[in-house]
């Protein structure tokens, strides 16, 4: 990061990796890069916070139940739709 400006990193790539980061499924180098991007990019940090909260709520609400197959994909699609709606309204 330089002069308070986010570095030129593809945010869509960073956001695709948020779940991997949250689940601890990426290597140390990727974790460091993800943390740096989140520290430098307020919109991605906000998105990360939303994803983290959704994951926490699901974990708390469904910890004893078997998650139906395909639920993650449906949730991701809906989150993308909501994100697009919010961005187009703002």
Protein backbone atom coordinates (compact mmCIF):
# COMPACT_ATOMS: atom_id res chain seq x y z
CA UNK A 1 0.00 0.00 0.00
CA UNK A 2 1.31 3.46 -0.79
CA UNK A 3 0.05 6.89 0.23
CA UNK A 4 -3.16 5.42 1.65
CA UNK A 5 -4.19 3.91 -1.68
CA UNK A 6 -4.98 0.18 -1.99
CA UNK A 7 -2.46 -1.75 -4.01
CA UNK A 8 -3.54 -2.90 -7.45
CA UNK A 9 -4.91 -6.33 -6.58
CA UNK A 10 -7.84 -7.97 -8.28
CA UNK A 11 -10.59 -7.66 -5.68
CA UNK A 12 -12.75 -10.30 -7.34
CA UNK A 13 -9.88 -12.78 -6.96
CA UNK A 14 -9.40 -11.75 -3.34
CA UNK A 15 -13.09 -12.18 -2.57
CA UNK A 16 -13.21 -15.60 -4.20
CA UNK A 17 -10.59 -16.67 -1.71
CA UNK A 18 -12.40 -15.30 1.35
CA UNK A 19 -13.98 -18.67 2.20
CA UNK A 20 -10.67 -20.44 1.82
CA UNK A 21 -9.10 -17.86 4.11
CA UNK A 22 -11.93 -18.16 6.66
CA UNK A 23 -11.65 -21.95 6.65
CA UNK A 24 -7.86 -21.92 6.90
CA UNK A 25 -7.62 -23.78 3.59
CA UNK A 26 -4.89 -21.68 1.97
CA UNK A 27 -1.16 -21.70 2.55
CA UNK A 28 0.82 -19.26 4.68
CA UNK A 29 1.91 -17.10 1.73
CA UNK A 30 -1.68 -16.81 0.52
CA UNK A 31 -2.88 -16.04 4.06
CA UNK A 32 -0.34 -13.22 4.32
CA UNK A 33 -1.42 -11.83 0.94
CA UNK A 34 -5.11 -12.10 1.88
CA UNK A 35 -4.53 -10.33 5.20
CA UNK A 36 -2.53 -7.59 3.48
CA UNK A 37 -5.25 -7.09 0.86
CA UNK A 38 -7.95 -6.93 3.54
CA UNK A 39 -5.87 -4.41 5.49
CA UNK A 40 -5.47 -2.25 2.38
CA UNK A 41 -8.93 -2.55 0.82
CA UNK A 42 -11.93 -1.31 2.80
CA UNK A 43 -14.59 -2.77 0.42
CA UNK A 44 -13.01 -6.23 0.60
CA UNK A 45 -12.62 -5.96 4.38
CA UNK A 46 -16.33 -5.13 4.64
CA UNK A 47 -17.19 -8.13 2.45
CA UNK A 48 -14.90 -10.33 4.54
CA UNK A 49 -16.72 -9.19 7.67
CA UNK A 50 -20.07 -10.12 6.14
CA UNK A 51 -18.79 -13.54 5.10
CA UNK A 52 -17.27 -14.12 8.52
CA UNK A 53 -20.56 -13.26 10.24
CA UNK A 54 -22.59 -15.52 7.91
CA UNK A 55 -20.21 -18.36 8.64
CA UNK A 56 -20.49 -17.75 12.39
CA UNK A 57 -24.30 -17.71 12.22
CA UNK A 58 -24.44 -20.90 10.18
CA UNK A 59 -22.00 -22.61 12.52
CA UNK A 60 -24.01 -21.56 15.58
CA UNK A 61 -27.38 -22.45 14.05
CA UNK A 62 -26.50 -25.67 12.27
CA UNK A 63 -23.72 -27.19 14.31
CA UNK A 64 -25.64 -30.43 14.94
CA UNK A 65 -27.29 -30.79 11.59
CA UNK A 66 -25.98 -32.19 8.36
CA UNK A 67 -25.73 -29.38 5.80
CA UNK A 68 -27.75 -30.21 2.68
CA UNK A 69 -25.67 -30.77 -0.42
CA UNK A 70 -25.56 -27.67 -2.60
CA UNK A 71 -26.42 -25.26 0.23
CA UNK A 72 -23.04 -23.52 0.08
CA UNK A 73 -23.42 -22.88 -3.65
CA UNK A 74 -26.94 -21.50 -3.17
CA UNK A 75 -25.78 -19.22 -0.34
CA UNK A 76 -22.86 -17.96 -2.42
CA UNK A 77 -25.14 -17.19 -5.37
CA UNK A 78 -27.56 -15.32 -3.13
CA UNK A 79 -24.74 -13.36 -1.50
CA UNK A 80 -23.50 -12.34 -4.94
CA UNK A 81 -27.01 -11.23 -5.90
CA UNK A 82 -27.35 -9.18 -2.71
CA UNK A 83 -23.91 -7.65 -3.25
CA UNK A 84 -24.83 -6.68 -6.80
CA UNK A 85 -28.15 -5.22 -5.62
CA UNK A 86 -26.45 -3.20 -2.87
CA UNK A 87 -23.75 -1.92 -5.21
CA UNK A 88 -26.25 -0.91 -7.89
CA UNK A 89 -28.44 0.90 -5.33
CA UNK A 90 -25.52 2.77 -3.73
